[in-house]
Amino acid sequence: MMSCQRCSSDWFWQKLGRCRQCILLNVLLLLIGIATLWWSESMTPVYRWLAIFVTGSAALLLVAHLVMALYYKVSGETKLN
């Protein structure tokens, strides 16, 4: 469970773009995925596809976080925690 109050909510859309800790953890996951892809030459094709899937998913989630954070900043609805 995350430390901020919004992240303990069950509704997915309430979490996107509001918690700085969640965004930073997603950036870390993306960097780990990119590093894994960088050194994936010695991996079997199954593991390489898994690394591509994880990196792509992390990138899409980060884009969703950043779009919603930009929306909240422009609309003035809430700040990042």
N, C-alpha and C. Protein backbone atom coordinates (compact mmCIF):
# COMPACT_ATOMS: atom_id res chain seq x y z
N MET A 1 0.84 -1.18 0.00
CA MET A 1 0.00 0.00 0.00
C MET A 1 0.89 1.24 0.00
N MET A 2 0.47 2.23 -0.73
CA MET A 2 1.23 3.47 -0.83
C MET A 2 0.96 4.35 0.38
N SER A 3 1.84 5.31 0.58
CA SER A 3 1.74 6.14 1.79
C SER A 3 0.72 7.27 1.67
N CYS A 4 0.40 7.70 0.45
CA CYS A 4 -0.54 8.81 0.34
C CYS A 4 -1.99 8.31 0.41
N GLN A 5 -2.88 9.18 0.79
CA GLN A 5 -4.27 8.79 1.01
C GLN A 5 -5.00 8.44 -0.29
N ARG A 6 -4.68 9.15 -1.38
CA ARG A 6 -5.35 8.86 -2.65
C ARG A 6 -4.98 7.49 -3.19
N CYS A 7 -3.76 7.03 -2.91
CA CYS A 7 -3.33 5.74 -3.43
C CYS A 7 -3.97 4.57 -2.69
N SER A 8 -4.56 4.81 -1.55
CA SER A 8 -5.25 3.74 -0.85
C SER A 8 -6.67 3.57 -1.38
N SER A 9 -7.10 4.46 -2.26
CA SER A 9 -8.42 4.37 -2.87
C SER A 9 -8.43 3.22 -3.87
N ASP A 10 -9.58 2.61 -4.07
CA ASP A 10 -9.69 1.50 -5.00
C ASP A 10 -9.95 1.96 -6.43
N TRP A 11 -10.35 3.18 -6.65
CA TRP A 11 -10.70 3.65 -7.97
C TRP A 11 -9.45 4.04 -8.74
N PHE A 12 -9.21 3.39 -9.88
CA PHE A 12 -7.98 3.55 -10.67
C PHE A 12 -7.78 4.99 -11.13
N TRP A 13 -8.81 5.66 -11.60
CA TRP A 13 -8.66 7.00 -12.17
C TRP A 13 -8.30 8.04 -11.11
N GLN A 14 -8.62 7.78 -9.85
CA GLN A 14 -8.26 8.73 -8.80
C GLN A 14 -6.77 8.70 -8.50
N LYS A 15 -6.10 7.62 -8.87
CA LYS A 15 -4.68 7.49 -8.58
C LYS A 15 -3.79 8.11 -9.65
N LEU A 16 -4.26 8.17 -10.88
CA LEU A 16 -3.41 8.62 -11.99
C LEU A 16 -3.04 10.09 -11.85
N GLY A 17 -1.74 10.35 -11.89
CA GLY A 17 -1.23 11.71 -11.94
C GLY A 17 -1.27 12.48 -10.66
N ARG A 18 -1.67 11.90 -9.56
CA ARG A 18 -1.80 12.64 -8.30
C ARG A 18 -0.67 12.39 -7.32
N CYS A 19 -0.04 11.25 -7.38
CA CYS A 19 0.95 10.88 -6.37
C CYS A 19 2.35 10.88 -6.96
N ARG A 20 3.19 11.74 -6.46
CA ARG A 20 4.57 11.84 -6.95
C ARG A 20 5.32 10.53 -6.72
N GLN A 21 5.05 9.85 -5.60
CA GLN A 21 5.72 8.59 -5.31
C GLN A 21 5.37 7.53 -6.36
N CYS A 22 4.13 7.47 -6.76
CA CYS A 22 3.70 6.50 -7.78
C CYS A 22 4.38 6.80 -9.12
N ILE A 23 4.47 8.07 -9.47
CA ILE A 23 5.11 8.46 -10.73
C ILE A 23 6.59 8.12 -10.70
N LEU A 24 7.26 8.39 -9.60
CA LEU A 24 8.68 8.07 -9.51
C LEU A 24 8.93 6.56 -9.54
N LEU A 25 8.07 5.79 -8.90
CA LEU A 25 8.20 4.33 -8.97
C LEU A 25 7.99 3.83 -10.40
N ASN A 26 7.10 4.46 -11.12
CA ASN A 26 6.87 4.09 -12.51
C ASN A 26 8.07 4.45 -13.38
N VAL A 27 8.69 5.60 -13.12
CA VAL A 27 9.91 5.98 -13.84
C VAL A 27 11.01 4.97 -13.57
N LEU A 28 11.15 4.54 -12.32
CA LEU A 28 12.14 3.54 -11.97
C LEU A 28 11.89 2.23 -12.70
N LEU A 29 10.64 1.80 -12.76
CA LEU A 29 10.29 0.58 -13.49
C LEU A 29 10.63 0.71 -14.97
N LEU A 30 10.36 1.87 -15.55
CA LEU A 30 10.67 2.10 -16.96
C LEU A 30 12.18 2.06 -17.19
N LEU A 31 12.95 2.67 -16.31
CA LEU A 31 14.41 2.66 -16.45
C LEU A 31 14.98 1.25 -16.32
N ILE A 32 14.44 0.47 -15.41
CA ILE A 32 14.87 -0.93 -15.27
C ILE A 32 14.53 -1.72 -16.53
N GLY A 33 13.36 -1.48 -17.09
CA GLY A 33 12.97 -2.16 -18.32
C GLY A 33 13.87 -1.79 -19.49
N ILE A 34 14.21 -0.49 -19.61
CA ILE A 34 15.10 -0.05 -20.69
C ILE A 34 16.49 -0.65 -20.51
N ALA A 35 16.98 -0.68 -19.28
CA ALA A 35 18.29 -1.28 -19.03
C ALA A 35 18.28 -2.77 -19.35
N THR A 36 17.20 -3.44 -19.04
CA THR A 36 17.08 -4.87 -19.35
C THR A 36 17.09 -5.07 -20.86
N LEU A 37 16.38 -4.23 -21.60
CA LEU A 37 16.38 -4.34 -23.05
C LEU A 37 17.76 -4.04 -23.64
N TRP A 38 18.49 -3.12 -23.01
CA TRP A 38 19.80 -2.77 -23.49
C TRP A 38 20.75 -3.98 -23.46
N TRP A 39 20.64 -4.77 -22.39
CA TRP A 39 21.51 -5.93 -22.22
C TRP A 39 20.79 -7.24 -22.54
N SER A 40 19.81 -7.23 -23.40
CA SER A 40 19.01 -8.43 -23.65
C SER A 40 19.55 -9.31 -24.77
N GLU A 41 20.74 -9.03 -25.27
CA GLU A 41 21.28 -9.83 -26.37
C GLU A 41 21.49 -11.28 -25.99
N SER A 42 21.84 -11.54 -24.74
CA SER A 42 22.11 -12.91 -24.32
C SER A 42 20.86 -13.63 -23.80
N MET A 43 19.73 -12.94 -23.80
CA MET A 43 18.48 -13.54 -23.31
C MET A 43 17.85 -14.42 -24.38
N THR A 44 17.05 -15.35 -23.90
CA THR A 44 16.25 -16.14 -24.84
C THR A 44 15.13 -15.25 -25.38
N PRO A 45 14.56 -15.60 -26.53
CA PRO A 45 13.51 -14.76 -27.12
C PRO A 45 12.30 -14.55 -26.20
N VAL A 46 11.97 -15.53 -25.39
CA VAL A 46 10.81 -15.39 -24.48
C VAL A 46 11.08 -14.29 -23.47
N TYR A 47 12.27 -14.27 -22.88
CA TYR A 47 12.60 -13.25 -21.90
C TYR A 47 12.72 -11.87 -22.54
N ARG A 48 13.21 -11.84 -23.78
CA ARG A 48 13.30 -10.57 -24.49
C ARG A 48 11.91 -10.00 -24.74
N TRP A 49 10.97 -10.85 -25.15
CA TRP A 49 9.58 -10.38 -25.36
C TRP A 49 8.96 -9.93 -24.05
N LEU A 50 9.26 -10.63 -22.97
CA LEU A 50 8.76 -10.23 -21.66
C LEU A 50 9.31 -8.85 -21.28
N ALA A 51 10.59 -8.61 -21.54
CA ALA A 51 11.19 -7.30 -21.24
C ALA A 51 10.55 -6.21 -22.09
N ILE A 52 10.26 -6.51 -23.35
CA ILE A 52 9.60 -5.54 -24.22
C ILE A 52 8.20 -5.23 -23.70
N PHE A 53 7.47 -6.26 -23.29
CA PHE A 53 6.12 -6.06 -22.76
C PHE A 53 6.13 -5.23 -21.48
N VAL A 54 7.02 -5.52 -20.56
CA VAL A 54 7.10 -4.79 -19.30
C VAL A 54 7.50 -3.33 -19.55
N THR A 55 8.47 -3.11 -20.42
CA THR A 55 8.92 -1.75 -20.72
C THR A 55 7.81 -0.95 -21.42
N GLY A 56 7.12 -1.58 -22.36
CA GLY A 56 6.02 -0.90 -23.04
C GLY A 56 4.88 -0.56 -22.10
N SER A 57 4.55 -1.48 -21.21
CA SER A 57 3.49 -1.23 -20.24
C SER A 57 3.86 -0.11 -19.28
N ALA A 58 5.10 -0.11 -18.82
CA ALA A 58 5.55 0.96 -17.93
C ALA A 58 5.53 2.30 -18.64
N ALA A 59 5.90 2.32 -19.93
CA ALA A 59 5.90 3.57 -20.69
C ALA A 59 4.47 4.09 -20.86
N LEU A 60 3.53 3.21 -21.18
CA LEU A 60 2.14 3.64 -21.34
C LEU A 60 1.56 4.14 -20.02
N LEU A 61 1.87 3.47 -18.92
CA LEU A 61 1.38 3.92 -17.62
C LEU A 61 1.98 5.27 -17.24
N LEU A 62 3.26 5.47 -17.55
CA LEU A 62 3.89 6.75 -17.26
C LEU A 62 3.27 7.86 -18.10
N VAL A 63 2.97 7.59 -19.35
CA VAL A 63 2.31 8.59 -20.20
C VAL A 63 0.94 8.94 -19.62
N ALA A 64 0.19 7.94 -19.16
CA ALA A 64 -1.11 8.21 -18.56
C ALA A 64 -0.96 9.07 -17.30
N HIS A 65 0.04 8.76 -16.46
CA HIS A 65 0.29 9.57 -15.27
C HIS A 65 0.62 11.01 -15.64
N LEU A 66 1.49 11.19 -16.63
CA LEU A 66 1.92 12.53 -17.00
C LEU A 66 0.80 13.33 -17.65
N VAL A 67 -0.03 12.69 -18.45
CA VAL A 67 -1.17 13.38 -19.06
C VAL A 67 -2.14 13.85 -17.98
N MET A 68 -2.44 12.99 -17.03
CA MET A 68 -3.37 13.37 -15.96
C MET A 68 -2.75 14.42 -15.04
N ALA A 69 -1.45 14.33 -14.76
CA ALA A 69 -0.79 15.35 -13.93
C ALA A 69 -0.83 16.70 -14.63
N LEU A 70 -0.63 16.72 -15.95
CA LEU A 70 -0.72 17.96 -16.70
C LEU A 70 -2.15 18.50 -16.68
N TYR A 71 -3.13 17.62 -16.81
CA TYR A 71 -4.53 18.04 -16.75
C TYR A 71 -4.85 18.67 -15.40
N TYR A 72 -4.40 18.03 -14.32
CA TYR A 72 -4.67 18.58 -12.98
C TYR A 72 -3.96 19.92 -12.78
N LYS A 73 -2.75 20.04 -13.32
CA LYS A 73 -2.02 21.31 -13.18
C LYS A 73 -2.70 22.42 -13.95
N VAL A 74 -3.17 22.14 -15.16
CA VAL A 74 -3.81 23.15 -15.99
C VAL A 74 -5.18 23.52 -15.43
N SER A 75 -5.94 22.51 -15.00
CA SER A 75 -7.30 22.79 -14.49
C SER A 75 -7.27 23.32 -13.06
N GLY A 76 -6.17 23.12 -12.35
CA GLY A 76 -6.06 23.59 -10.97
C GLY A 76 -6.87 22.76 -10.00
N GLU A 77 -7.24 21.54 -10.42
CA GLU A 77 -8.10 20.72 -9.57
C GLU A 77 -7.38 20.26 -8.31
N THR A 78 -6.22 19.64 -8.45
CA THR A 78 -5.45 19.18 -7.29
C THR A 78 -3.98 19.32 -7.57
N LYS A 79 -3.17 19.24 -6.52
CA LYS A 79 -1.73 19.25 -6.66
C LYS A 79 -1.21 17.83 -6.54
N LEU A 80 0.05 17.64 -6.95
CA LEU A 80 0.72 16.37 -6.71
C LEU A 80 1.02 16.26 -5.23
N ASN A 81 0.92 15.06 -4.69
CA ASN A 81 1.24 14.85 -3.27
C ASN A 81 2.71 14.64 -3.09
